[in-house]
Amino acid sequence: MHDADKALYSFTWANQDEPIKFDGIDTTTPEGRAQYTADYDQMCALTPELIKKENLVFPHEMKAAVSNEPHFQRIWAHYRQHAVEG
C-alpha cells in the first residue's frame, strides 16, 4: 500500500469494500501479468466463494472506484453542490 494510514485508518478515505492489492507487481509487463495471474489464481483456489477467475482485471486496467462510505458521499455531495452553484 502506498499510504497504509490513509487507506486503513482515515475516516474520510476508508471504505468497507477494499480491493485486492498486489503491490510491487508491474502488470504492464508480460512477466508482471504472469505473476499477477498466478497470484490471482491462488487466491481463487483459496477463496472460491469470494473471488472468481472470470473477474480477473489487471490493476492498471481497473476503473477508478467511488467510495460508498457515508462520510465520503456526504462530502462529495457538498463539493458537487458547491461546484455547480459556485
Protein backbone atom coordinates (compact mmCIF):
# COMPACT_ATOMS: atom_id res chain seq x y z
CA MET A 1 0.00 0.00 0.00
CA HIS A 2 1.25 3.43 -0.84
CA ASP A 3 -0.20 5.11 2.26
CA ALA A 4 -1.41 2.50 4.74
CA ASP A 5 -2.66 5.03 7.30
CA LYS A 6 -4.79 6.78 4.69
CA ALA A 7 -6.18 3.53 3.28
CA LEU A 8 -6.84 1.78 6.58
CA TYR A 9 -7.45 4.32 9.32
CA SER A 10 -8.75 7.51 7.74
CA PHE A 11 -12.46 8.14 8.33
CA THR A 12 -12.62 10.18 5.14
CA TRP A 13 -10.86 7.73 2.83
CA ALA A 14 -11.73 4.37 4.41
CA ASN A 15 -14.01 2.05 2.51
CA GLN A 16 -15.55 -1.20 3.67
CA ASP A 17 -15.05 -2.83 0.25
CA GLU A 18 -11.28 -2.69 -0.12
CA PRO A 19 -9.97 -4.06 -3.44
CA ILE A 20 -7.38 -6.83 -3.52
CA LYS A 21 -3.89 -5.35 -3.73
CA PHE A 22 -0.80 -6.99 -5.16
CA ASP A 23 1.73 -4.22 -4.60
CA GLY A 24 5.07 -4.49 -6.30
CA ILE A 25 3.83 -6.32 -9.40
CA ASP A 26 4.07 -4.32 -12.64
CA THR A 27 1.18 -5.73 -14.68
CA THR A 28 2.12 -3.69 -17.74
CA THR A 29 4.90 -6.23 -18.47
CA PRO A 30 4.39 -9.86 -19.59
CA GLU A 31 6.29 -11.12 -16.51
CA GLY A 32 4.16 -9.00 -14.20
CA ARG A 33 0.95 -10.20 -15.84
CA ALA A 34 2.06 -13.82 -15.41
CA GLN A 35 2.91 -13.26 -11.73
CA TYR A 36 -0.34 -11.40 -11.07
CA THR A 37 -2.36 -14.12 -12.82
CA ALA A 38 -0.61 -16.84 -10.78
CA ASP A 39 -1.26 -14.97 -7.52
CA TYR A 40 -4.88 -14.29 -8.52
CA ASP A 41 -5.41 -17.97 -9.39
CA GLN A 42 -4.03 -18.92 -5.97
CA MET A 43 -6.47 -16.53 -4.28
CA CYS A 44 -9.31 -18.06 -6.33
CA ALA A 45 -8.32 -21.54 -5.19
CA LEU A 46 -8.20 -20.44 -1.54
CA THR A 47 -11.48 -18.50 -1.55
CA PRO A 48 -13.64 -19.63 -4.49
CA GLU A 49 -16.80 -18.24 -2.90
CA LEU A 50 -15.31 -14.72 -2.79
CA ILE A 51 -13.01 -14.42 -5.81
CA LYS A 52 -13.96 -15.75 -9.24
CA LYS A 53 -11.43 -16.39 -12.03
CA GLU A 54 -13.66 -14.71 -14.60
CA ASN A 55 -13.43 -11.41 -12.65
CA LEU A 56 -9.68 -11.03 -13.23
CA VAL A 57 -8.77 -7.43 -14.07
CA PHE A 58 -5.20 -6.18 -14.04
CA PRO A 59 -4.64 -3.23 -11.68
CA HIS A 60 -3.54 -0.85 -14.44
CA GLU A 61 -6.79 -1.60 -16.30
CA MET A 62 -9.12 -1.07 -13.30
CA LYS A 63 -11.55 1.82 -13.42
CA ALA A 64 -11.44 4.32 -10.59
CA ALA A 65 -13.97 3.42 -7.92
CA VAL A 66 -16.03 5.94 -5.97
CA SER A 67 -16.28 5.08 -2.29
CA ASN A 68 -19.68 4.14 -0.90
CA GLU A 69 -18.56 5.18 2.58
CA PRO A 70 -21.23 7.56 4.01
CA HIS A 71 -18.89 10.37 5.07
CA PHE A 72 -17.22 10.39 1.65
CA GLN A 73 -20.63 10.53 -0.06
CA ARG A 74 -21.74 13.48 2.12
CA ILE A 75 -18.55 15.43 1.42
CA TRP A 76 -18.76 14.60 -2.28
CA ALA A 77 -22.37 15.83 -2.38
CA HIS A 78 -21.34 19.13 -0.74
CA TYR A 79 -18.48 19.51 -3.23
CA ARG A 80 -20.77 18.87 -6.22
CA GLN A 81 -23.31 21.39 -4.92
CA HIS A 82 -20.57 23.99 -4.35
CA ALA A 83 -19.02 23.37 -7.78
CA VAL A 84 -22.36 23.70 -9.58
CA GLU A 85 -23.52 26.79 -7.70
CA GLY A 86 -20.08 28.40 -7.43
